[in-house]
Amino acid sequence: MRMRPTLTWTPGADLPPGTTDPEPVADALRAGGVLVLSGAGISTESGIPDYRGEGGSLSRHTPMTYQDFTGSPEARRRYWARSHLGRRTFGRARPNAGHRSVAAFARHGLLTGVITQNVDGLHQAAGSEDVVELHGSLDRVVCLSCGVFSARRELARRLEEANPGFSPVAAGINPDGDADLTDAQVGDFRVLPCTVCGGILKPDVVFFGENVPPDRVEHCRELVRGASSLLVLGSSLTVMSGLRFVRQAAGEGKPVLIVNRDATRGDRLAVTRIALPLGPALTRVAEDLCLTVEDAATA
């Protein structure tokens, strides 16, 4: 029997303390060859909460698991109702200074790549190219029967037509684009099948309890092997999908630098953790490198 995925992690008292000096990040970028691994914390300043930080969504919300989604029509009804509503708010989010700084670093040749655990597309919206979406993207939908991919905007149009007047007020929005709704608010929301074969539609994202495709993992491992250092931005590294790359980099003798306000599961493997909000920290680094966040926004 498959166990439910690990959603939380409790830091030990012996973890090294964080600092407020981002200079080591600037030094790593000056040397070049930096690979970025970003998590939900980089998007909080765009209005999307993270999972585990202060006020994180896990304090009030358990994310949908792959097992629940595939095994229960009612779970799929709840998911699609919440996700359909959440997409309206999620889609209005715009890149913040953190995303724009990463785009500036990439544009000036300081990065070898960007791996993101996020599904919000904000790195690309800020101007970053060739972003590896480790957990997929909410902009795509896949049929679990025939494997056909389609645009989320097309499904959104169909759901609007099938559920006229559906506009409950959500208690909050989560990093996976899922709005907090009660069962009463979900009501009899109508879920739609694949237009090709009538199968079950799923967002093209990796749910908790689901594995990242092996070829995607191997591509990320190749990026780690080709990098000089790994820069982790806004991830607690609680789940193995991101932590494995930190372990790989450290095992290969490559410096791991983390910018995250709270302690992470990778702190013992890092040369430093900068305990600052991502936007101000990366803007300060960009200024130290004589780059401007505004340049990145217009790239």
Protein backbone atom coordinates (compact mmCIF):
# COMPACT_ATOMS: atom_id res chain seq x y z
CA MET A 1 0.00 0.00 0.00
CA ARG A 2 1.36 3.43 -0.92
CA MET A 3 1.85 5.81 1.96
CA ARG A 4 0.55 9.37 1.83
CA PRO A 5 3.31 11.81 0.85
CA THR A 6 5.43 13.70 3.37
CA LEU A 7 4.03 17.22 3.59
CA THR A 8 5.84 18.60 6.63
CA TRP A 9 9.29 18.57 8.14
CA THR A 10 10.41 19.70 11.60
CA PRO A 11 13.86 21.34 11.74
CA GLY A 12 16.25 20.21 14.44
CA ALA A 13 17.67 22.57 17.01
CA ASP A 14 21.22 21.96 15.74
CA LEU A 15 20.72 23.45 12.27
CA PRO A 16 23.22 26.17 11.34
CA PRO A 17 21.72 29.66 11.70
CA GLY A 18 20.79 31.76 8.72
CA THR A 19 22.46 35.07 7.90
CA THR A 20 21.25 38.33 6.40
CA ASP A 21 24.29 38.82 4.16
CA PRO A 22 23.59 38.01 0.48
CA GLU A 23 27.18 38.68 -0.61
CA PRO A 24 27.98 34.95 -1.04
CA VAL A 25 25.20 34.79 -3.64
CA ALA A 26 26.69 37.74 -5.50
CA ASP A 27 30.13 36.07 -5.36
CA ALA A 28 28.73 32.83 -6.80
CA LEU A 29 27.01 34.72 -9.61
CA ARG A 30 30.19 36.66 -10.42
CA ALA A 31 31.93 33.31 -10.88
CA GLY A 32 29.15 32.18 -13.22
CA GLY A 33 27.79 28.71 -13.87
CA VAL A 34 25.00 29.00 -11.28
CA LEU A 35 21.96 26.73 -11.50
CA VAL A 36 18.79 28.08 -9.83
CA LEU A 37 16.29 25.82 -8.07
CA SER A 38 13.20 27.80 -7.03
CA GLY A 39 10.23 26.97 -4.84
CA ALA A 40 6.93 28.48 -3.78
CA GLY A 41 8.65 31.10 -1.61
CA ILE A 42 9.77 33.08 -4.63
CA SER A 43 6.13 33.68 -5.62
CA THR A 44 4.76 34.88 -2.28
CA GLU A 45 5.51 38.50 -3.16
CA SER A 46 3.28 38.01 -6.23
CA GLY A 47 0.36 37.19 -3.96
CA ILE A 48 0.65 33.40 -4.15
CA PRO A 49 1.18 31.89 -0.69
CA ASP A 50 3.78 29.20 -0.09
CA TYR A 51 3.09 25.85 1.54
CA ARG A 52 5.16 25.93 4.71
CA GLY A 53 6.26 29.47 5.57
CA GLU A 54 4.54 31.77 8.01
CA GLY A 55 0.85 31.61 7.09
CA GLY A 56 1.60 28.86 4.54
CA SER A 57 -1.33 27.07 2.99
CA LEU A 58 -0.58 23.72 4.66
CA SER A 59 -1.79 25.24 7.93
CA ARG A 60 -5.32 25.23 6.52
CA HIS A 61 -5.24 23.10 3.38
CA THR A 62 -4.16 19.57 2.39
CA PRO A 63 -3.16 19.48 -1.27
CA MET A 64 -4.85 17.04 -3.60
CA THR A 65 -2.98 13.76 -3.99
CA TYR A 66 -2.77 11.74 -7.17
CA GLN A 67 -4.38 8.77 -5.43
CA ASP A 68 -7.40 10.82 -4.30
CA PHE A 69 -7.80 12.49 -7.70
CA THR A 70 -7.75 9.28 -9.72
CA GLY A 71 -9.73 7.23 -7.22
CA SER A 72 -12.69 9.46 -6.42
CA PRO A 73 -15.16 11.30 -8.69
CA GLU A 74 -16.07 13.52 -5.74
CA ALA A 75 -12.42 14.41 -5.18
CA ARG A 76 -12.15 15.39 -8.85
CA ARG A 77 -15.29 17.51 -8.54
CA ARG A 78 -13.80 19.34 -5.54
CA TYR A 79 -10.47 19.78 -7.30
CA TRP A 80 -11.83 21.16 -10.56
CA ALA A 81 -14.30 23.48 -8.82
CA ARG A 82 -11.57 24.89 -6.61
CA SER A 83 -8.98 25.02 -9.38
CA HIS A 84 -11.37 26.65 -11.83
CA LEU A 85 -12.14 29.40 -9.36
CA GLY A 86 -8.53 29.70 -8.19
CA ARG A 87 -7.28 30.10 -11.75
CA ARG A 88 -9.06 33.45 -12.02
CA THR A 89 -6.97 34.82 -9.15
CA PHE A 90 -3.85 32.79 -9.95
CA GLY A 91 -3.87 34.05 -13.52
CA ARG A 92 -3.72 37.67 -12.36
CA ALA A 93 -0.43 37.13 -10.50
CA ARG A 94 2.53 38.99 -11.98
CA PRO A 95 6.29 38.40 -11.62
CA ASN A 96 7.89 40.12 -8.66
CA ALA A 97 11.41 41.45 -8.07
CA GLY A 98 12.69 37.96 -7.33
CA HIS A 99 11.54 36.54 -10.66
CA ARG A 100 12.80 39.60 -12.51
CA SER A 101 16.21 39.40 -10.82
CA VAL A 102 16.58 35.75 -11.84
CA ALA A 103 15.73 36.76 -15.42
CA ALA A 104 18.41 39.47 -15.27
CA PHE A 105 21.02 36.99 -14.00
CA ALA A 106 20.16 34.64 -16.87
CA ARG A 107 20.18 37.35 -19.50
CA HIS A 108 23.68 38.42 -18.48
CA GLY A 109 25.01 34.87 -18.76
CA LEU A 110 25.45 34.19 -15.04
CA LEU A 111 23.17 31.14 -14.91
CA THR A 112 23.32 27.72 -16.56
CA GLY A 113 19.59 27.18 -16.07
CA VAL A 114 16.50 27.48 -13.90
CA ILE A 115 14.62 24.57 -12.35
CA THR A 116 11.37 25.55 -10.68
CA GLN A 117 9.10 23.53 -8.43
CA ASN A 118 6.35 26.08 -9.12
CA VAL A 119 3.50 25.65 -11.58
CA ASP A 120 2.65 29.36 -11.96
CA GLY A 121 4.74 30.28 -15.01
CA LEU A 122 6.04 33.47 -13.37
CA HIS A 123 9.70 32.84 -14.20
CA GLN A 124 8.82 32.73 -17.90
CA ALA A 125 6.58 35.78 -17.58
CA ALA A 126 9.55 37.65 -16.10
CA GLY A 127 11.69 36.80 -19.12
CA SER A 128 13.55 33.64 -18.10
CA GLU A 129 13.94 31.13 -20.93
CA ASP A 130 14.37 27.35 -20.99
CA VAL A 131 12.89 26.98 -17.52
CA VAL A 132 12.51 23.37 -16.40
CA GLU A 133 9.08 23.05 -14.77
CA LEU A 134 9.83 20.19 -12.40
CA HIS A 135 6.21 19.80 -11.32
CA GLY A 136 4.57 20.78 -14.61
CA SER A 137 2.36 23.74 -15.45
CA LEU A 138 -1.21 24.75 -14.72
CA ASP A 139 -1.46 26.10 -18.27
CA ARG A 140 -1.81 22.57 -19.68
CA VAL A 141 -4.29 19.72 -19.25
CA VAL A 142 -3.72 16.04 -20.04
CA CYS A 143 -6.17 13.19 -20.54
CA LEU A 144 -5.32 10.20 -18.35
CA SER A 145 -6.82 7.81 -20.92
CA CYS A 146 -5.56 8.89 -24.34
CA GLY A 147 -2.67 11.14 -23.25
CA VAL A 148 -3.74 14.12 -25.36
CA PHE A 149 -2.59 17.52 -24.08
CA SER A 150 -4.70 20.66 -24.40
CA ALA A 151 -4.62 24.28 -23.28
CA ARG A 152 -6.04 25.08 -19.86
CA ARG A 153 -7.71 28.19 -21.25
CA GLU A 154 -9.85 25.99 -23.52
CA LEU A 155 -10.97 23.84 -20.60
CA ALA A 156 -11.67 27.01 -18.61
CA ARG A 157 -13.97 28.20 -21.40
CA ARG A 158 -15.83 24.88 -21.41
CA LEU A 159 -16.16 24.89 -17.62
CA GLU A 160 -17.56 28.43 -17.69
CA GLU A 161 -20.23 27.31 -20.16
CA ALA A 162 -21.03 24.15 -18.18
CA ASN A 163 -21.23 25.98 -14.81
CA PRO A 164 -22.91 29.34 -15.44
CA GLY A 165 -23.00 31.62 -12.43
CA PHE A 166 -20.34 29.69 -10.50
CA SER A 167 -18.61 32.42 -8.49
CA PRO A 168 -18.33 31.54 -4.77
CA VAL A 169 -16.06 33.59 -2.54
CA ALA A 170 -12.94 31.59 -1.66
CA ALA A 171 -11.29 31.76 1.76
CA GLY A 172 -7.86 31.79 0.14
CA ILE A 173 -5.68 30.67 -2.76
CA ASN A 174 -2.94 28.05 -2.62
CA PRO A 175 0.41 27.56 -4.43
CA ASP A 176 -1.15 24.91 -6.69
CA GLY A 177 -3.86 27.32 -7.87
CA ASP A 178 -6.46 25.61 -5.69
CA ALA A 179 -8.99 27.92 -4.00
CA ASP A 180 -10.28 27.16 -0.50
CA LEU A 181 -13.96 26.23 -0.88
CA THR A 182 -16.34 24.30 1.32
CA ASP A 183 -18.22 21.28 0.01
CA ALA A 184 -21.37 23.40 0.04
CA GLN A 185 -19.68 25.98 -2.20
CA VAL A 186 -18.51 23.26 -4.57
CA GLY A 187 -22.09 22.03 -4.80
CA ASP A 188 -22.91 20.16 -8.00
CA PHE A 189 -20.07 21.67 -10.04
CA ARG A 190 -19.97 19.89 -13.37
CA VAL A 191 -16.68 18.21 -14.32
CA LEU A 192 -16.02 17.74 -18.04
CA PRO A 193 -14.38 14.82 -19.86
CA CYS A 194 -11.74 14.74 -22.60
CA THR A 195 -13.21 15.88 -25.93
CA VAL A 196 -11.23 13.20 -27.77
CA CYS A 197 -12.01 10.01 -25.84
CA GLY A 198 -14.22 10.98 -22.90
CA GLY A 199 -11.48 10.17 -20.38
CA ILE A 200 -10.51 11.88 -17.13
CA LEU A 201 -8.79 15.24 -17.48
CA LYS A 202 -5.98 16.21 -15.11
CA PRO A 203 -3.87 19.37 -14.98
CA ASP A 204 -0.39 18.71 -16.32
CA VAL A 205 1.14 19.03 -12.86
CA VAL A 206 2.72 16.53 -10.52
CA PHE A 207 0.36 16.01 -7.60
CA PHE A 208 1.58 15.06 -4.15
CA GLY A 209 2.02 11.29 -4.17
CA GLU A 210 2.87 11.28 -7.88
CA ASN A 211 6.36 10.84 -9.31
CA VAL A 212 8.16 13.43 -11.43
CA PRO A 213 8.72 11.88 -14.90
CA PRO A 214 12.11 10.09 -14.92
CA ASP A 215 13.34 11.84 -18.06
CA ARG A 216 12.67 15.23 -16.44
CA VAL A 217 14.57 14.19 -13.31
CA GLU A 218 17.52 13.04 -15.43
CA HIS A 219 17.52 16.33 -17.34
CA CYS A 220 17.72 18.20 -14.04
CA ARG A 221 20.53 15.94 -12.87
CA GLU A 222 22.42 16.80 -16.05
CA LEU A 223 21.96 20.48 -15.28
CA VAL A 224 23.37 19.95 -11.78
CA ARG A 225 26.35 18.09 -13.23
CA GLY A 226 27.04 20.98 -15.60
CA ALA A 227 26.74 23.74 -12.97
CA SER A 228 29.42 25.28 -10.79
CA SER A 229 27.04 25.94 -7.90
CA LEU A 230 23.38 25.53 -6.96
CA LEU A 231 21.29 28.48 -5.77
CA VAL A 232 18.06 27.49 -3.99
CA LEU A 233 15.43 30.23 -3.86
CA GLY A 234 12.34 30.03 -1.67
CA SER A 235 12.10 26.29 -1.04
CA SER A 236 11.94 24.44 2.26
CA LEU A 237 13.27 21.35 0.42
CA THR A 238 10.85 19.25 2.44
CA VAL A 239 10.02 16.88 -0.40
CA MET A 240 12.58 14.76 -2.21
CA SER A 241 11.75 16.16 -5.66
CA GLY A 242 13.91 19.21 -4.92
CA LEU A 243 16.12 17.95 -2.10
CA ARG A 244 17.70 15.27 -4.31
CA PHE A 245 19.37 17.95 -6.45
CA VAL A 246 20.80 19.64 -3.37
CA ARG A 247 22.18 16.29 -2.23
CA GLN A 248 23.61 15.67 -5.69
CA ALA A 249 25.32 19.07 -5.86
CA ALA A 250 26.79 18.72 -2.38
CA GLY A 251 27.93 15.18 -3.17
CA GLU A 252 29.73 16.48 -6.26
CA GLY A 253 31.53 19.10 -4.18
CA LYS A 254 29.57 22.04 -5.60
CA PRO A 255 28.56 24.91 -3.29
CA VAL A 256 24.87 25.05 -2.38
CA LEU A 257 23.52 28.49 -1.42
CA ILE A 258 19.99 28.93 -0.09
CA VAL A 259 17.87 32.07 0.15
CA ASN A 260 14.88 31.27 2.34
CA ARG A 261 13.54 33.03 5.41
CA ASP A 262 12.98 29.78 7.33
CA ALA A 263 15.24 26.79 7.95
CA THR A 264 15.25 24.16 5.22
CA ARG A 265 15.87 20.46 5.00
CA GLY A 266 19.00 21.21 2.97
CA ASP A 267 20.67 23.64 5.39
CA ARG A 268 23.29 21.13 6.56
CA LEU A 269 24.43 20.69 2.96
CA ALA A 270 24.61 24.41 2.18
CA VAL A 271 27.52 26.77 2.57
CA THR A 272 25.06 29.47 3.65
CA ARG A 273 21.37 30.23 4.06
CA ILE A 274 20.34 33.85 3.69
CA ALA A 275 17.25 34.40 5.84
CA LEU A 276 15.72 37.27 3.86
CA PRO A 277 12.64 37.76 1.65
CA LEU A 278 13.50 36.84 -1.94
CA GLY A 279 12.60 40.13 -3.62
CA PRO A 280 14.74 42.46 -1.48
CA ALA A 281 17.61 39.95 -1.25
CA LEU A 282 17.88 39.34 -4.99
CA THR A 283 17.39 43.02 -5.82
CA ARG A 284 20.31 43.81 -3.53
CA VAL A 285 22.40 41.13 -5.27
CA ALA A 286 21.46 42.54 -8.68
CA GLU A 287 22.55 45.99 -7.56
CA ASP A 288 25.87 44.61 -6.30
CA LEU A 289 26.38 43.13 -9.77
CA CYS A 290 25.45 46.45 -11.43
CA LEU A 291 22.27 44.91 -12.88
CA THR A 292 18.80 46.38 -12.45
CA VAL A 293 15.56 44.55 -11.83
CA GLU A 294 13.80 46.99 -14.19
CA ASP A 295 16.05 45.84 -17.05
CA ALA A 296 14.97 42.27 -16.42
CA ALA A 297 11.31 43.24 -16.47
CA THR A 298 11.62 44.68 -19.97
CA ALA A 299 13.88 42.00 -21.38
